[in-house]
Protein backbone atom coordinates (compact mmCIF):
# COMPACT_ATOMS: atom_id res chain seq x y z
CA MET A 1 -55.96 24.23 -74.45
CA PRO A 2 -53.51 26.04 -72.38
CA GLY A 3 -52.13 29.22 -73.78
CA PRO A 4 -48.47 30.32 -73.86
CA ALA A 5 -48.82 32.26 -70.60
CA GLN A 6 -50.08 29.19 -68.81
CA ALA A 7 -47.14 27.15 -70.14
CA ILE A 8 -44.68 29.76 -68.88
CA TRP A 9 -46.42 29.88 -65.49
CA LYS A 10 -46.40 26.10 -65.29
CA GLY A 11 -42.66 26.06 -66.13
CA CYS A 12 -41.95 28.66 -63.44
CA GLY A 13 -43.81 26.56 -60.90
CA ARG A 14 -41.71 23.56 -61.78
CA MET A 15 -38.50 25.59 -61.50
CA SER A 16 -39.71 27.02 -58.23
CA SER A 17 -40.56 23.52 -56.95
CA GLU A 18 -37.18 22.21 -58.05
CA ALA A 19 -35.41 25.15 -56.41
CA THR A 20 -37.43 24.64 -53.22
CA LEU A 21 -36.65 20.93 -53.28
CA ARG A 22 -32.94 21.69 -53.70
CA GLU A 23 -33.11 24.15 -50.80
CA VAL A 24 -34.89 21.62 -48.60
CA ILE A 25 -32.35 18.93 -49.48
CA ALA A 26 -29.50 21.37 -48.77
CA ARG A 27 -31.04 22.31 -45.41
CA LEU A 28 -31.57 18.63 -44.63
CA GLY A 29 -27.92 17.93 -45.46
CA LYS A 30 -26.78 20.74 -43.18
CA ALA A 31 -29.07 19.49 -40.42
CA ILE A 32 -27.64 15.99 -40.77
CA GLU A 33 -24.09 17.38 -40.62
CA THR A 34 -25.00 19.35 -37.50
CA LEU A 35 -26.56 16.26 -35.95
CA GLU A 36 -23.49 14.17 -36.78
CA GLY A 37 -21.30 16.82 -35.17
CA ALA A 38 -23.47 16.83 -32.06
CA VAL A 39 -23.39 13.03 -31.87
CA ALA A 40 -19.59 13.02 -32.25
CA ALA A 41 -19.26 15.65 -29.52
CA ARG A 42 -21.58 13.65 -27.25
CA LEU A 43 -19.61 10.46 -27.84
CA GLU A 44 -16.38 12.29 -27.04
CA HIS A 45 -17.96 13.74 -23.89
CA ASP A 46 -19.19 10.30 -22.84
CA GLN A 47 -15.71 8.84 -23.44
CA ASP A 48 -14.16 11.60 -21.33
CA TYR A 49 -16.74 10.92 -18.61
CA MET A 50 -16.00 7.19 -18.62
CA GLU A 51 -12.26 7.87 -18.41
CA ALA A 52 -12.82 10.26 -15.50
CA GLU A 53 -15.06 7.71 -13.78
CA ALA A 54 -12.37 5.04 -14.19
CA GLU A 55 -9.78 7.43 -12.74
CA VAL A 56 -12.03 8.12 -9.74
CA GLN A 57 -12.41 4.38 -9.17
CA ARG A 58 -8.62 3.91 -9.32
CA MET A 59 -8.16 6.79 -6.88
CA ASN A 60 -10.73 5.31 -4.50
CA ALA A 61 -8.96 1.94 -4.65
CA ASP A 62 -5.63 3.67 -3.94
CA ARG A 63 -7.21 5.59 -1.08
CA ALA A 64 -8.57 2.40 0.47
CA ARG A 65 -5.19 0.67 0.08
CA LEU A 66 -3.36 3.64 1.61
CA ALA A 67 -5.84 3.83 4.49
CA GLN A 68 -5.22 0.14 5.22
CA GLU A 69 -1.47 0.67 5.08
CA LEU A 70 -1.78 3.65 7.44
CA ASP A 71 -3.86 1.62 9.89
CA ASN A 72 -1.26 -1.17 9.79
CA SER A 73 1.57 1.32 10.32
CA GLU A 74 -0.19 2.96 13.24
CA ALA A 75 -0.82 -0.42 14.85
CA ARG A 76 2.85 -1.35 14.37
CA ALA A 77 3.95 2.00 15.85
CA GLU A 78 1.77 1.38 18.91
CA ARG A 79 3.28 -2.10 19.35
CA LEU A 80 6.80 -0.68 19.01
CA GLU A 81 6.01 2.02 21.57
CA THR A 82 4.74 -0.60 24.00
CA VAL A 83 7.82 -2.76 23.47
CA ASN A 84 10.06 0.29 23.82
CA LYS A 85 8.48 1.17 27.17
CA GLU A 86 8.91 -2.42 28.35
CA VAL A 87 12.59 -2.47 27.28
CA SER A 88 13.14 0.89 28.98
CA ARG A 89 11.52 -0.39 32.18
CA ARG A 90 13.69 -3.53 32.14
CA LEU A 91 16.84 -1.47 31.55
CA VAL A 92 16.01 0.74 34.52
CA THR A 93 15.42 -2.35 36.62
CA ALA A 94 18.71 -3.90 35.44
CA MET A 95 20.64 -0.67 36.16
CA GLU A 96 19.13 -0.45 39.64
CA THR A 97 20.04 -4.06 40.28
CA ILE A 98 23.59 -3.46 39.09
CA ARG A 99 23.91 -0.36 41.30
CA ALA A 100 22.60 -2.27 44.26
CA VAL A 101 25.14 -5.04 43.66
CA LEU A 102 27.99 -2.53 43.24
CA ASP A 103 26.99 -0.63 46.34
CA ARG A 104 27.35 -3.71 48.57
C-alpha cells in the first residue's frame, strides 16, 4: 500500500503534468496566433503584389498604345512635311510663271 508520502508525490506529479499541459496548450495557442498573423501578412503581401502586377500590365498596355500613337503621329508629320515641300515648290513655280508673264 502506498504511504502518505507517495500519495503527496503522486498528487504533485499530477499537478505538474497539468501545469505542463496548460503551458504546452498556451504555447500552442500563441504559436497558432503567430502563424495566423504570418498567414494574414503573407496574404496581404500577395494581394499587394497582384495589384502591383496588374498596374504594371496596365502601364505596359498604355506604353504600347502610346508608342503606336507616336508612330502614327510621326508618319503623319512626315507626310505633311512632304506635302508642304510639294506645295512650296508649286508656289515657287507659280510665282516664277507669274513674274515671267508680268515681265513680258
